[in-house]
Amino acid sequence: ARAAAALTGCSYQIENLGEFLPVICNELLVKQFENICSAIGVRFVTAETKLVGEDFGFFSASWPSLLFWLGTRREDEPTRGLHTPLFYPPDEAIAVGLNLFKALAGVTE
């Protein structure tokens, strides 16, 4: 903002309207999730740290938490962003996600 104002002769004001807490994944839950993925044949990939606006951080500040992304890219297509009109996950991803959540919750059939 400072550089843009200097270039244009404008002024600027920055207001902090709030904050998002970081999402902290509980190590035990991550290990449990990794084991569940292995048991049901889902590939577990550790994601790099990402700077995203995620209100889930407020939950993870109070309770042991786990955030994961369910890979949904179709093998024959390029990666597409989640919040675009081009995002079109395969229907099979729904069953995979459901099975992961059921296993995390301890639901057996």
PDB file of N, CA and C in Angstrom:
ATOM      1  N   ALA A   1       0.830  -1.191   0.000  1.00  0.00           N
ATOM      2  CA  ALA A   1       0.000   0.000   0.000  1.00  0.00           C
ATOM      3  C   ALA A   1       0.872   1.252   0.000  1.00  0.00           C
ATOM      4  N   ARG A   2       1.950   1.191   0.775  1.00  0.00           N
ATOM      5  CA  ARG A   2       2.846   2.357   0.859  1.00  0.00           C
ATOM      6  C   ARG A   2       3.463   2.646  -0.510  1.00  0.00           C
ATOM      7  N   ALA A   3       3.929   1.607  -1.195  1.00  0.00           N
ATOM      8  CA  ALA A   3       4.552   1.787  -2.501  1.00  0.00           C
ATOM      9  C   ALA A   3       3.540   2.287  -3.530  1.00  0.00           C
ATOM     10  N   ALA A   4       2.333   1.738  -3.512  1.00  0.00           N
ATOM     11  CA  ALA A   4       1.300   2.175  -4.450  1.00  0.00           C
ATOM     12  C   ALA A   4       0.935   3.630  -4.202  1.00  0.00           C
ATOM     13  N   ALA A   5       0.840   4.023  -2.942  1.00  0.00           N
ATOM     14  CA  ALA A   5       0.511   5.408  -2.612  1.00  0.00           C
ATOM     15  C   ALA A   5       1.620   6.345  -3.083  1.00  0.00           C
ATOM     16  N   ALA A   6       2.861   5.932  -2.910  1.00  0.00           N
ATOM     17  CA  ALA A   6       3.985   6.770  -3.336  1.00  0.00           C
ATOM     18  C   ALA A   6       3.996   6.934  -4.855  1.00  0.00           C
ATOM     19  N   LEU A   7       3.660   5.898  -5.584  1.00  0.00           N
ATOM     20  CA  LEU A   7       3.644   5.961  -7.046  1.00  0.00           C
ATOM     21  C   LEU A   7       2.496   6.796  -7.590  1.00  0.00           C
ATOM     22  N   THR A   8       1.386   6.784  -6.890  1.00  0.00           N
ATOM     23  CA  THR A   8       0.175   7.421  -7.416  1.00  0.00           C
ATOM     24  C   THR A   8      -0.180   8.734  -6.750  1.00  0.00           C
ATOM     25  N   GLY A   9       0.502   9.066  -5.659  1.00  0.00           N
ATOM     26  CA  GLY A   9       0.169  10.281  -4.933  1.00  0.00           C
ATOM     27  C   GLY A   9      -1.078  10.136  -4.072  1.00  0.00           C
ATOM     28  N   CYS A  10      -1.524   8.932  -3.901  1.00  0.00           N
ATOM     29  CA  CYS A  10      -2.710   8.666  -3.085  1.00  0.00           C
ATOM     30  C   CYS A  10      -2.305   8.412  -1.639  1.00  0.00           C
ATOM     31  N   SER A  11      -3.303   8.294  -0.808  1.00  0.00           N
ATOM     32  CA  SER A  11      -3.054   7.904   0.573  1.00  0.00           C
ATOM     33  C   SER A  11      -3.701   6.548   0.813  1.00  0.00           C
ATOM     34  N   TYR A  12      -3.393   5.963   1.929  1.00  0.00           N
ATOM     35  CA  TYR A  12      -3.953   4.649   2.254  1.00  0.00           C
ATOM     36  C   TYR A  12      -4.158   4.536   3.752  1.00  0.00           C
ATOM     37  N   GLN A  13      -5.025   3.646   4.108  1.00  0.00           N
ATOM     38  CA  GLN A  13      -5.282   3.334   5.508  1.00  0.00           C
ATOM     39  C   GLN A  13      -5.526   1.830   5.585  1.00  0.00           C
ATOM     40  N   ILE A  14      -4.902   1.181   6.520  1.00  0.00           N
ATOM     41  CA  ILE A  14      -5.073  -0.259   6.701  1.00  0.00           C
ATOM     42  C   ILE A  14      -5.804  -0.492   8.011  1.00  0.00           C
ATOM     43  N   GLU A  15      -6.887  -1.231   7.924  1.00  0.00           N
ATOM     44  CA  GLU A  15      -7.644  -1.587   9.116  1.00  0.00           C
ATOM     45  C   GLU A  15      -7.657  -3.106   9.250  1.00  0.00           C
ATOM     46  N   ASN A  16      -7.335  -3.581  10.417  1.00  0.00           N
ATOM     47  CA  ASN A  16      -7.426  -5.010  10.693  1.00  0.00           C
ATOM     48  C   ASN A  16      -8.845  -5.288  11.173  1.00  0.00           C
ATOM     49  N   LEU A  17      -9.614  -5.983  10.349  1.00  0.00           N
ATOM     50  CA  LEU A  17     -11.017  -6.222  10.673  1.00  0.00           C
ATOM     51  C   LEU A  17     -11.241  -7.531  11.416  1.00  0.00           C
ATOM     52  N   GLY A  18     -10.205  -8.277  11.608  1.00  0.00           N
ATOM     53  CA  GLY A  18     -10.341  -9.545  12.311  1.00  0.00           C
ATOM     54  C   GLY A  18      -9.144 -10.425  12.004  1.00  0.00           C
ATOM     55  N   GLU A  19      -9.199 -11.602  12.529  1.00  0.00           N
ATOM     56  CA  GLU A  19      -8.096 -12.521  12.292  1.00  0.00           C
ATOM     57  C   GLU A  19      -8.634 -13.942  12.198  1.00  0.00           C
ATOM     58  N   PHE A  20      -7.883 -14.760  11.540  1.00  0.00           N
ATOM     59  CA  PHE A  20      -8.166 -16.187  11.485  1.00  0.00           C
ATOM     60  C   PHE A  20      -7.050 -16.896  12.230  1.00  0.00           C
ATOM     61  N   LEU A  21      -7.429 -17.762  13.129  1.00  0.00           N
ATOM     62  CA  LEU A  21      -6.437 -18.534  13.868  1.00  0.00           C
ATOM     63  C   LEU A  21      -5.890 -19.639  12.977  1.00  0.00           C
ATOM     64  N   PRO A  22      -4.653 -20.052  13.195  1.00  0.00           N
ATOM     65  CA  PRO A  22      -4.119 -21.151  12.395  1.00  0.00           C
ATOM     66  C   PRO A  22      -4.823 -22.453  12.743  1.00  0.00           C
ATOM     67  N   VAL A  23      -4.953 -23.307  11.751  1.00  0.00           N
ATOM     68  CA  VAL A  23      -5.488 -24.646  11.995  1.00  0.00           C
ATOM     69  C   VAL A  23      -4.337 -25.499  12.513  1.00  0.00           C
ATOM     70  N   ILE A  24      -4.506 -26.040  13.695  1.00  0.00           N
ATOM     71  CA  ILE A  24      -3.494 -26.899  14.300  1.00  0.00           C
ATOM     72  C   ILE A  24      -4.042 -28.319  14.296  1.00  0.00           C
ATOM     73  N   CYS A  25      -3.417 -29.176  13.510  1.00  0.00           N
ATOM     74  CA  CYS A  25      -3.841 -30.579  13.468  1.00  0.00           C
ATOM     75  C   CYS A  25      -3.195 -31.335  14.618  1.00  0.00           C
ATOM     76  N   ASN A  26      -4.007 -32.036  15.357  1.00  0.00           N
ATOM     77  CA  ASN A  26      -3.542 -32.842  16.470  1.00  0.00           C
ATOM     78  C   ASN A  26      -2.712 -34.009  15.936  1.00  0.00           C
ATOM     79  N   GLU A  27      -1.503 -34.183  16.458  1.00  0.00           N
ATOM     80  CA  GLU A  27      -0.595 -35.215  15.954  1.00  0.00           C
ATOM     81  C   GLU A  27      -1.172 -36.620  16.069  1.00  0.00           C
ATOM     82  N   LEU A  28      -1.854 -36.902  17.175  1.00  0.00           N
ATOM     83  CA  LEU A  28      -2.447 -38.239  17.334  1.00  0.00           C
ATOM     84  C   LEU A  28      -3.555 -38.482  16.315  1.00  0.00           C
ATOM     85  N   LEU A  29      -4.368 -37.464  16.044  1.00  0.00           N
ATOM     86  CA  LEU A  29      -5.415 -37.608  15.044  1.00  0.00           C
ATOM     87  C   LEU A  29      -4.836 -37.772  13.641  1.00  0.00           C
ATOM     88  N   VAL A  30      -3.751 -37.072  13.366  1.00  0.00           N
ATOM     89  CA  VAL A  30      -3.099 -37.216  12.059  1.00  0.00           C
ATOM     90  C   VAL A  30      -2.590 -38.643  11.887  1.00  0.00           C
ATOM     91  N   LYS A  31      -1.946 -39.181  12.910  1.00  0.00           N
ATOM     92  CA  LYS A  31      -1.440 -40.560  12.838  1.00  0.00           C
ATOM     93  C   LYS A  31      -2.596 -41.546  12.695  1.00  0.00           C
ATOM     94  N   GLN A  32      -3.677 -41.335  13.451  1.00  0.00           N
ATOM     95  CA  GLN A  32      -4.853 -42.195  13.343  1.00  0.00           C
ATOM     96  C   GLN A  32      -5.419 -42.125  11.917  1.00  0.00           C
ATOM     97  N   PHE A  33      -5.497 -40.934  11.369  1.00  0.00           N
ATOM     98  CA  PHE A  33      -6.013 -40.751  10.015  1.00  0.00           C
ATOM     99  C   PHE A  33      -5.107 -41.440   8.989  1.00  0.00           C
ATOM    100  N   GLU A  34      -3.821 -41.310   9.166  1.00  0.00           N
ATOM    101  CA  GLU A  34      -2.870 -41.971   8.262  1.00  0.00           C
ATOM    102  C   GLU A  34      -3.071 -43.486   8.299  1.00  0.00           C
ATOM    103  N   ASN A  35      -3.264 -44.044   9.494  1.00  0.00           N
ATOM    104  CA  ASN A  35      -3.509 -45.486   9.625  1.00  0.00           C
ATOM    105  C   ASN A  35      -4.834 -45.891   8.980  1.00  0.00           C
ATOM    106  N   ILE A  36      -5.863 -45.071   9.150  1.00  0.00           N
ATOM    107  CA  ILE A  36      -7.160 -45.349   8.537  1.00  0.00           C
ATOM    108  C   ILE A  36      -7.037 -45.346   7.022  1.00  0.00           C
ATOM    109  N   CYS A  37      -6.349 -44.364   6.493  1.00  0.00           N
ATOM    110  CA  CYS A  37      -6.151 -44.301   5.034  1.00  0.00           C
ATOM    111  C   CYS A  37      -5.484 -45.578   4.534  1.00  0.00           C
ATOM    112  N   SER A  38      -4.454 -45.996   5.233  1.00  0.00           N
ATOM    113  CA  SER A  38      -3.749 -47.216   4.849  1.00  0.00           C
ATOM    114  C   SER A  38      -4.668 -48.432   4.912  1.00  0.00           C
ATOM    115  N   ALA A  39      -5.479 -48.515   5.960  1.00  0.00           N
ATOM    116  CA  ALA A  39      -6.352 -49.672   6.159  1.00  0.00           C
ATOM    117  C   ALA A  39      -7.433 -49.782   5.087  1.00  0.00           C
ATOM    118  N   ILE A  40      -7.905 -48.648   4.579  1.00  0.00           N
ATOM    119  CA  ILE A  40      -8.978 -48.720   3.588  1.00  0.00           C
ATOM    120  C   ILE A  40      -8.479 -48.449   2.164  1.00  0.00           C
ATOM    121  N   GLY A  41      -7.166 -48.384   2.003  1.00  0.00           N
ATOM    122  CA  GLY A  41      -6.596 -48.270   0.662  1.00  0.00           C
ATOM    123  C   GLY A  41      -6.642 -46.883   0.052  1.00  0.00           C
ATOM    124  N   VAL A  42      -6.598 -45.859   0.891  1.00  0.00           N
ATOM    125  CA  VAL A  42      -6.570 -44.483   0.408  1.00  0.00           C
ATOM    126  C   VAL A  42      -5.157 -43.950   0.576  1.00  0.00           C
ATOM    127  N   ARG A  43      -4.628 -43.345  -0.467  1.00  0.00           N
ATOM    128  CA  ARG A  43      -3.264 -42.815  -0.399  1.00  0.00           C
ATOM    129  C   ARG A  43      -3.240 -41.572   0.489  1.00  0.00           C
ATOM    130  N   PHE A  44      -2.374 -41.577   1.490  1.00  0.00           N
ATOM    131  CA  PHE A  44      -2.201 -40.451   2.412  1.00  0.00           C
ATOM    132  C   PHE A  44      -1.013 -39.641   1.930  1.00  0.00           C
ATOM    133  N   VAL A  45      -1.208 -38.354   1.743  1.00  0.00           N
ATOM    134  CA  VAL A  45      -0.130 -37.465   1.311  1.00  0.00           C
ATOM    135  C   VAL A  45      -0.067 -36.317   2.309  1.00  0.00           C
ATOM    136  N   THR A  46       1.087 -36.094   2.893  1.00  0.00           N
ATOM    137  CA  THR A  46       1.247 -34.972   3.806  1.00  0.00           C
ATOM    138  C   THR A  46       1.298 -33.688   2.991  1.00  0.00           C
ATOM    139  N   ALA A  47       0.428 -32.755   3.314  1.00  0.00           N
ATOM    140  CA  ALA A  47       0.384 -31.481   2.597  1.00  0.00           C
ATOM    141  C   ALA A  47       1.369 -30.507   3.224  1.00  0.00           C
ATOM    142  N   GLU A  48       1.911 -29.674   2.398  1.00  0.00           N
ATOM    143  CA  GLU A  48       2.772 -28.622   2.918  1.00  0.00           C
ATOM    144  C   GLU A  48       1.909 -27.582   3.620  1.00  0.00           C
ATOM    145  N   THR A  49       2.517 -26.797   4.466  1.00  0.00           N
ATOM    146  CA  THR A  49       1.791 -25.734   5.150  1.00  0.00           C
ATOM    147  C   THR A  49       1.266 -24.751   4.118  1.00  0.00           C
ATOM    148  N   LYS A  50       0.020 -24.363   4.274  1.00  0.00           N
ATOM    149  CA  LYS A  50      -0.603 -23.432   3.332  1.00  0.00           C
ATOM    150  C   LYS A  50      -1.204 -22.263   4.091  1.00  0.00           C
ATOM    151  N   LEU A  51      -1.156 -21.102   3.473  1.00  0.00           N
ATOM    152  CA  LEU A  51      -1.786 -19.917   4.040  1.00  0.00           C
ATOM    153  C   LEU A  51      -3.153 -19.774   3.382  1.00  0.00           C
ATOM    154  N   VAL A  52      -4.169 -20.213   4.092  1.00  0.00           N
ATOM    155  CA  VAL A  52      -5.536 -20.117   3.602  1.00  0.00           C
ATOM    156  C   VAL A  52      -6.408 -19.519   4.703  1.00  0.00           C
ATOM    157  N   GLY A  53      -7.476 -18.869   4.331  1.00  0.00           N
ATOM    158  CA  GLY A  53      -8.429 -18.361   5.312  1.00  0.00           C
ATOM    159  C   GLY A  53      -9.376 -19.479   5.693  1.00  0.00           C
ATOM    160  N   GLU A  54      -9.219 -19.998   6.866  1.00  0.00           N
ATOM    161  CA  GLU A  54     -10.016 -21.164   7.263  1.00  0.00           C
ATOM    162  C   GLU A  54     -10.530 -20.958   8.672  1.00  0.00           C
ATOM    163  N   ASP A  55     -11.840 -20.816   8.834  1.00  0.00           N
ATOM    164  CA  ASP A  55     -12.400 -20.590  10.159  1.00  0.00           C
ATOM    165  C   ASP A  55     -12.311 -21.812  11.064  1.00  0.00           C
ATOM    166  N   PHE A  56     -11.899 -22.943  10.509  1.00  0.00           N
ATOM    167  CA  PHE A  56     -11.720 -24.154  11.298  1.00  0.00           C
ATOM    168  C   PHE A  56     -10.652 -23.961  12.383  1.00  0.00           C
ATOM    169  N   GLY A  57      -9.776 -22.984  12.205  1.00  0.00           N
ATOM    170  CA  GLY A  57      -8.757 -22.691  13.208  1.00  0.00           C
ATOM    171  C   GLY A  57      -9.351 -22.357  14.569  1.00  0.00           C
ATOM    172  N   PHE A  58     -10.542 -21.772  14.588  1.00  0.00           N
ATOM    173  CA  PHE A  58     -11.187 -21.460  15.860  1.00  0.00           C
ATOM    174  C   PHE A  58     -11.563 -22.745  16.606  1.00  0.00           C
ATOM    175  N   PHE A  59     -11.967 -23.783  15.869  1.00  0.00           N
ATOM    176  CA  PHE A  59     -12.267 -25.072  16.499  1.00  0.00           C
ATOM    177  C   PHE A  59     -10.997 -25.736  17.003  1.00  0.00           C
ATOM    178  N   SER A  60      -9.948 -25.704  16.163  1.00  0.00           N
ATOM    179  CA  SER A  60      -8.721 -26.397  16.552  1.00  0.00           C
ATOM    180  C   SER A  60      -8.018 -25.729  17.720  1.00  0.00           C
ATOM    181  N   ALA A  61      -8.385 -24.498  18.022  1.00  0.00           N
ATOM    182  CA  ALA A  61      -7.824 -23.831  19.198  1.00  0.00           C
ATOM    183  C   ALA A  61      -8.455 -24.353  20.484  1.00  0.00           C
ATOM    184  N   SER A  62      -9.639 -24.976  20.359  1.00  0.00           N
ATOM    185  CA  SER A  62     -10.360 -25.438  21.543  1.00  0.00           C
ATOM    186  C   SER A  62     -10.427 -26.947  21.696  1.00  0.00           C
ATOM    187  N   TRP A  63     -10.375 -27.676  20.579  1.00  0.00           N
ATOM    188  CA  TRP A  63     -10.507 -29.132  20.619  1.00  0.00           C
ATOM    189  C   TRP A  63      -9.460 -29.781  19.726  1.00  0.00           C
ATOM    190  N   PRO A  64      -9.032 -31.003  20.081  1.00  0.00           N
ATOM    191  CA  PRO A  64      -8.128 -31.724  19.181  1.00  0.00           C
ATOM    192  C   PRO A  64      -8.798 -31.858  17.812  1.00  0.00           C
ATOM    193  N   SER A  65      -8.089 -31.475  16.767  1.00  0.00           N
ATOM    194  CA  SER A  65      -8.707 -31.368  15.451  1.00  0.00           C
ATOM    195  C   SER A  65      -7.825 -31.950  14.361  1.00  0.00           C
ATOM    196  N   LEU A  66      -8.480 -32.188  13.245  1.00  0.00           N
ATOM    197  CA  LEU A  66      -7.802 -32.704  12.055  1.00  0.00           C
ATOM    198  C   LEU A  66      -8.469 -32.080  10.839  1.00  0.00           C
ATOM    199  N   LEU A  67      -7.696 -31.476   9.993  1.00  0.00           N
ATOM    200  CA  LEU A  67      -8.199 -30.942   8.736  1.00  0.00           C
ATOM    201  C   LEU A  67      -7.483 -31.686   7.624  1.00  0.00           C
ATOM    202  N   PHE A  68      -8.257 -32.171   6.661  1.00  0.00           N
ATOM    203  CA  PHE A  68      -7.621 -32.823   5.511  1.00  0.00           C
ATOM    204  C   PHE A  68      -8.340 -32.420   4.245  1.00  0.00           C
ATOM    205  N   TRP A  69      -7.609 -32.495   3.166  1.00  0.00           N
ATOM    206  CA  TRP A  69      -8.187 -32.273   1.852  1.00  0.00           C
ATOM    207  C   TRP A  69      -8.356 -33.623   1.191  1.00  0.00           C
ATOM    208  N   LEU A  70      -9.516 -33.845   0.671  1.00  0.00           N
ATOM    209  CA  LEU A  70      -9.802 -35.072  -0.046  1.00  0.00           C
ATOM    210  C   LEU A  70      -9.426 -34.850  -1.501  1.00  0.00           C
ATOM    211  N   GLY A  71      -8.394 -35.538  -1.951  1.00  0.00           N
ATOM    212  CA  GLY A  71      -7.958 -35.377  -3.342  1.00  0.00           C
ATOM    213  C   GLY A  71      -9.071 -35.755  -4.302  1.00  0.00           C
ATOM    214  N   THR A  72      -9.399 -34.868  -5.208  1.00  0.00           N
ATOM    215  CA  THR A  72     -10.514 -35.124  -6.109  1.00  0.00           C
ATOM    216  C   THR A  72     -10.161 -34.893  -7.576  1.00  0.00           C
ATOM    217  N   ARG A  73      -8.881 -34.722  -7.870  1.00  0.00           N
ATOM    218  CA  ARG A  73      -8.498 -34.463  -9.268  1.00  0.00           C
ATOM    219  C   ARG A  73      -8.707 -35.718 -10.100  1.00  0.00           C
ATOM    220  N   ARG A  74      -9.316 -35.531 -11.240  1.00  0.00           N
ATOM    221  CA  ARG A  74      -9.462 -36.627 -12.188  1.00  0.00           C
ATOM    222  C   ARG A  74      -8.108 -36.844 -12.849  1.00  0.00           C
ATOM    223  N   GLU A  75      -7.698 -38.094 -12.949  1.00  0.00           N
ATOM    224  CA  GLU A  75      -6.364 -38.418 -13.459  1.00  0.00           C
ATOM    225  C   GLU A  75      -6.101 -37.861 -14.853  1.00  0.00           C
ATOM    226  N   ASP A  76      -7.126 -37.769 -15.673  1.00  0.00           N
ATOM    227  CA  ASP A  76      -6.939 -37.336 -17.060  1.00  0.00           C
ATOM    228  C   ASP A  76      -7.155 -35.836 -17.266  1.00  0.00           C
ATOM    229  N   GLU A  77      -7.273 -35.084 -16.179  1.00  0.00           N
ATOM    230  CA  GLU A  77      -7.518 -33.657 -16.288  1.00  0.00           C
ATOM    231  C   GLU A  77      -6.523 -32.868 -15.446  1.00  0.00           C
ATOM    232  N   PRO A  78      -6.323 -31.599 -15.790  1.00  0.00           N
ATOM    233  CA  PRO A  78      -5.413 -30.769 -14.980  1.00  0.00           C
ATOM    234  C   PRO A  78      -6.034 -30.446 -13.624  1.00  0.00           C
ATOM    235  N   THR A  79      -5.192 -30.028 -12.699  1.00  0.00           N
ATOM    236  CA  THR A  79      -5.666 -29.605 -11.388  1.00  0.00           C
ATOM    237  C   THR A  79      -6.508 -28.345 -11.549  1.00  0.00           C
ATOM    238  N   ARG A  80      -7.627 -28.305 -10.852  1.00  0.00           N
ATOM    239  CA  ARG A  80      -8.505 -27.132 -10.906  1.00  0.00           C
ATOM    240  C   ARG A  80      -8.757 -26.653  -9.478  1.00  0.00           C
ATOM    241  N   GLY A  81      -8.898 -25.370  -9.307  1.00  0.00           N
ATOM    242  CA  GLY A  81      -9.151 -24.806  -7.990  1.00  0.00           C
ATOM    243  C   GLY A  81     -10.521 -25.197  -7.462  1.00  0.00           C
ATOM    244  N   LEU A  82     -10.635 -25.242  -6.132  1.00  0.00           N
ATOM    245  CA  LEU A  82     -11.891 -25.633  -5.511  1.00  0.00           C
ATOM    246  C   LEU A  82     -13.018 -24.653  -5.793  1.00  0.00           C
ATOM    247  N   HIS A  83     -12.731 -23.383  -5.781  1.00  0.00           N
ATOM    248  CA  HIS A  83     -13.787 -22.375  -5.881  1.00  0.00           C
ATOM    249  C   HIS A  83     -13.829 -21.763  -7.273  1.00  0.00           C
ATOM    250  N   THR A  84     -13.894 -22.630  -8.270  1.00  0.00           N
ATOM    251  CA  THR A  84     -14.006 -22.179  -9.650  1.00  0.00           C
ATOM    252  C   THR A  84     -15.138 -22.956 -10.316  1.00  0.00           C
ATOM    253  N   PRO A  85     -15.693 -22.427 -11.391  1.00  0.00           N
ATOM    254  CA  PRO A  85     -16.746 -23.165 -12.093  1.00  0.00           C
ATOM    255  C   PRO A  85     -16.215 -24.415 -12.796  1.00  0.00           C
ATOM    256  N   LEU A  86     -14.902 -24.566 -12.874  1.00  0.00           N
ATOM    257  CA  LEU A  86     -14.310 -25.731 -13.532  1.00  0.00           C
ATOM    258  C   LEU A  86     -14.104 -26.911 -12.586  1.00  0.00           C
ATOM    259  N   PHE A  87     -14.320 -26.694 -11.284  1.00  0.00           N
ATOM    260  CA  PHE A  87     -14.136 -27.774 -10.318  1.00  0.00           C
ATOM    261  C   PHE A  87     -15.232 -28.808 -10.516  1.00  0.00           C
ATOM    262  N   TYR A  88     -14.819 -30.028 -10.808  1.00  0.00           N
ATOM    263  CA  TYR A  88     -15.776 -31.102 -11.090  1.00  0.00           C
ATOM    264  C   TYR A  88     -15.188 -32.419 -10.591  1.00  0.00           C
ATOM    265  N   PRO A  89     -15.345 -32.700  -9.302  1.00  0.00           N
ATOM    266  CA  PRO A  89     -14.737 -33.922  -8.752  1.00  0.00           C
ATOM    267  C   PRO A  89     -15.483 -35.165  -9.235  1.00  0.00           C
ATOM    268  N   PRO A  90     -14.787 -36.277  -9.283  1.00  0.00           N
ATOM    269  CA  PRO A  90     -15.457 -37.528  -9.665  1.00  0.00           C
ATOM    270  C   PRO A  90     -16.437 -37.963  -8.572  1.00  0.00           C
ATOM    271  N   ASP A  91     -17.527 -38.575  -8.979  1.00  0.00           N
ATOM    272  CA  ASP A  91     -18.536 -39.035  -8.020  1.00  0.00           C
ATOM    273  C   ASP A  91     -17.952 -39.996  -6.989  1.00  0.00           C
ATOM    274  N   GLU A  92     -16.946 -40.767  -7.367  1.00  0.00           N
ATOM    275  CA  GLU A  92     -16.344 -41.748  -6.466  1.00  0.00           C
ATOM    276  C   GLU A  92     -15.725 -41.094  -5.234  1.00  0.00           C
ATOM    277  N   ALA A  93     -15.372 -39.820  -5.338  1.00  0.00           N
ATOM    278  CA  ALA A  93     -14.764 -39.116  -4.202  1.00  0.00           C
ATOM    279  C   ALA A  93     -15.730 -39.033  -3.023  1.00  0.00           C
ATOM    280  N   ILE A  94     -17.023 -39.010  -3.296  1.00  0.00           N
ATOM    281  CA  ILE A  94     -18.014 -38.922  -2.217  1.00  0.00           C
ATOM    282  C   ILE A  94     -17.935 -40.165  -1.340  1.00  0.00           C
ATOM    283  N   ALA A  95     -17.874 -41.337  -1.953  1.00  0.00           N
ATOM    284  CA  ALA A  95     -17.798 -42.582  -1.183  1.00  0.00           C
ATOM    285  C   ALA A  95     -16.491 -42.661  -0.404  1.00  0.00           C
ATOM    286  N   VAL A  96     -15.404 -42.225  -1.004  1.00  0.00           N
ATOM    287  CA  VAL A  96     -14.108 -42.245  -0.307  1.00  0.00           C
ATOM    288  C   VAL A  96     -14.162 -41.344   0.919  1.00  0.00           C
ATOM    289  N   GLY A  97     -14.662 -40.129   0.745  1.00  0.00           N
ATOM    290  CA  GLY A  97     -14.779 -39.205   1.874  1.00  0.00           C
ATOM    291  C   GLY A  97     -15.691 -39.731   2.956  1.00  0.00           C
ATOM    292  N   LEU A  98     -16.807 -40.301   2.559  1.00  0.00           N
ATOM    293  CA  LEU A  98     -17.745 -40.869   3.527  1.00  0.00           C
ATOM    294  C   LEU A  98     -17.093 -42.006   4.310  1.00  0.00           C
ATOM    295  N   ASN A  99     -16.376 -42.878   3.621  1.00  0.00           N
ATOM    296  CA  ASN A  99     -15.700 -43.986   4.305  1.00  0.00           C
ATOM    297  C   ASN A  99     -14.628 -43.486   5.268  1.00  0.00           C
ATOM    298  N   LEU A 100     -13.928 -42.441   4.904  1.00  0.00           N
ATOM    299  CA  LEU A 100     -12.922 -41.880   5.804  1.00  0.00           C
ATOM    300  C   LEU A 100     -13.576 -41.297   7.054  1.00  0.00           C
ATOM    301  N   PHE A 101     -14.657 -40.563   6.878  1.00  0.00           N
ATOM    302  CA  PHE A 101     -15.333 -39.989   8.047  1.00  0.00           C
ATOM    303  C   PHE A 101     -15.940 -41.065   8.929  1.00  0.00           C
ATOM    304  N   LYS A 102     -16.503 -42.090   8.334  1.00  0.00           N
ATOM    305  CA  LYS A 102     -17.063 -43.182   9.133  1.00  0.00           C
ATOM    306  C   LYS A 102     -15.963 -43.868   9.927  1.00  0.00           C
ATOM    307  N   ALA A 103     -14.831 -44.118   9.316  1.00  0.00           N
ATOM    308  CA  ALA A 103     -13.724 -44.767  10.020  1.00  0.00           C
ATOM    309  C   ALA A 103     -13.206 -43.875  11.150  1.00  0.00           C
ATOM    310  N   LEU A 104     -13.105 -42.578  10.896  1.00  0.00           N
ATOM    311  CA  LEU A 104     -12.671 -41.655  11.953  1.00  0.00           C
ATOM    312  C   LEU A 104     -13.645 -41.649  13.128  1.00  0.00           C
ATOM    313  N   ALA A 105     -14.921 -41.766  12.830  1.00  0.00           N
ATOM    314  CA  ALA A 105     -15.935 -41.766  13.880  1.00  0.00           C
ATOM    315  C   ALA A 105     -16.095 -43.129  14.552  1.00  0.00           C
ATOM    316  N   GLY A 106     -15.409 -44.138  14.028  1.00  0.00           N
ATOM    317  CA  GLY A 106     -15.502 -45.474  14.619  1.00  0.00           C
ATOM    318  C   GLY A 106     -16.747 -46.222  14.200  1.00  0.00           C
ATOM    319  N   VAL A 107     -17.371 -45.813  13.126  1.00  0.00           N
ATOM    320  CA  VAL A 107     -18.574 -46.487  12.641  1.00  0.00           C
ATOM    321  C   VAL A 107     -18.169 -47.736  11.863  1.00  0.00           C
ATOM    322  N   THR A 108     -18.725 -48.860  12.251  1.00  0.00           N
ATOM    323  CA  THR A 108     -18.468 -50.104  11.528  1.00  0.00           C
ATOM    324  C   THR A 108     -19.781 -50.622  10.991  1.00  0.00           C
ATOM    325  N   GLU A 109     -19.689 -51.327   9.896  1.00  0.00           N
ATOM    326  CA  GLU A 109     -20.924 -51.880   9.300  1.00  0.00           C
ATOM    327  C   GLU A 109     -20.893 -53.381   9.349  1.00  0.00           C
TER     328      GLU A 109
END
